[in-house]
């Protein structure tokens, strides 16, 4: 039986993601979890026109399990790029 994904699971995954990219929460380059429409979205803080804003990483709001899987894949991609730069796209 599959374990239910909780908001705590998502928050922990985002916390690890911010640690991986050495981003301070709430600052440009950091990630945050947003919930709406019964789903969740991973957003990244960016500077836009001199103001701090957020942009969706994957677009759309998704069920918790699906977003958690996407965050794990995103973190794996960061690790590959960091530890195997020869595998990074040109």
Protein backbone atom coordinates (compact mmCIF):
# COMPACT_ATOMS: atom_id res chain seq x y z
CA UNK A 1 0.00 0.00 0.00
CA UNK A 2 1.30 3.45 -0.92
CA UNK A 3 1.89 5.94 1.85
CA UNK A 4 -0.16 9.15 1.63
CA UNK A 5 1.86 12.24 0.70
CA UNK A 6 1.42 15.07 3.20
CA UNK A 7 2.06 18.79 3.06
CA UNK A 8 4.92 18.13 5.49
CA UNK A 9 6.50 15.85 2.86
CA UNK A 10 6.26 18.63 0.27
CA UNK A 11 7.68 21.24 2.65
CA UNK A 12 10.60 18.96 3.51
CA UNK A 13 11.34 18.39 -0.19
CA UNK A 14 11.31 22.16 -0.84
CA UNK A 15 13.58 22.73 2.17
CA UNK A 16 16.12 20.22 0.77
CA UNK A 17 15.84 21.84 -2.68
CA UNK A 18 16.66 25.27 -1.18
CA UNK A 19 19.64 23.75 0.64
CA UNK A 20 20.87 22.16 -2.60
CA UNK A 21 20.90 25.50 -4.41
CA UNK A 22 22.16 27.37 -1.32
CA UNK A 23 19.17 29.71 -1.46
CA UNK A 24 17.88 31.59 1.54
CA UNK A 25 14.10 31.20 1.86
CA UNK A 26 12.21 34.25 0.62
CA UNK A 27 15.17 35.52 -1.43
CA UNK A 28 15.66 35.42 -5.23
CA UNK A 29 16.53 31.92 -6.38
CA UNK A 30 14.74 30.18 -3.52
CA UNK A 31 11.74 27.92 -3.88
CA UNK A 32 8.39 27.99 -2.14
CA UNK A 33 5.29 25.82 -2.07
CA UNK A 34 1.96 27.38 -3.10
CA UNK A 35 -1.44 25.77 -2.68
CA UNK A 36 -4.61 26.64 -4.60
CA UNK A 37 -7.47 24.99 -6.49
CA UNK A 38 -7.07 21.84 -4.37
CA UNK A 39 -3.49 21.29 -5.60
CA UNK A 40 0.05 22.51 -5.03
CA UNK A 41 2.67 24.24 -7.11
CA UNK A 42 6.43 24.72 -6.80
CA UNK A 43 7.34 28.37 -7.29
CA UNK A 44 10.70 30.15 -7.48
CA UNK A 45 11.38 33.67 -6.24
CA UNK A 46 12.72 35.95 -8.98
CA UNK A 47 13.40 39.66 -9.40
CA UNK A 48 11.02 41.14 -11.99
CA UNK A 49 11.14 44.84 -12.76
CA UNK A 50 12.94 45.52 -9.50
CA UNK A 51 10.35 43.65 -7.44
CA UNK A 52 10.42 40.23 -5.83
CA UNK A 53 7.94 37.93 -7.58
CA UNK A 54 7.33 34.20 -7.97
CA UNK A 55 7.16 32.06 -11.09
CA UNK A 56 5.82 28.54 -11.45
CA UNK A 57 8.51 25.92 -12.01
CA UNK A 58 6.28 23.25 -13.56
CA UNK A 59 3.12 25.25 -14.26
CA UNK A 60 -0.32 24.41 -12.97
CA UNK A 61 -1.42 23.06 -9.60
CA UNK A 62 -0.93 19.35 -9.05
CA UNK A 63 -1.84 16.68 -6.51
CA UNK A 64 0.65 16.34 -3.65
CA UNK A 65 2.04 12.95 -4.79
CA UNK A 66 2.60 14.14 -8.35
CA UNK A 67 4.33 17.34 -7.22
CA UNK A 68 6.53 15.44 -4.78
CA UNK A 69 7.65 13.12 -7.60
CA UNK A 70 8.40 16.15 -9.80
CA UNK A 71 10.43 17.83 -7.04
CA UNK A 72 12.47 14.64 -6.54
CA UNK A 73 13.14 14.47 -10.29
CA UNK A 74 14.08 18.17 -10.34
CA UNK A 75 16.53 17.63 -7.47
CA UNK A 76 18.02 14.62 -9.28
CA UNK A 77 18.55 16.81 -12.36
CA UNK A 78 20.35 19.43 -10.27
CA UNK A 79 22.59 16.71 -8.82
CA UNK A 80 23.45 15.35 -12.25
CA UNK A 81 24.34 18.82 -13.51
CA UNK A 82 26.42 19.53 -10.43
CA UNK A 83 28.33 16.25 -10.17
CA UNK A 84 28.44 15.28 -13.84
CA UNK A 85 28.84 18.54 -15.77
CA UNK A 86 29.75 16.58 -18.91
CA UNK A 87 26.11 15.37 -18.95
CA UNK A 88 24.71 18.92 -18.95
CA UNK A 89 23.16 20.20 -22.18
CA UNK A 90 25.35 22.40 -24.33
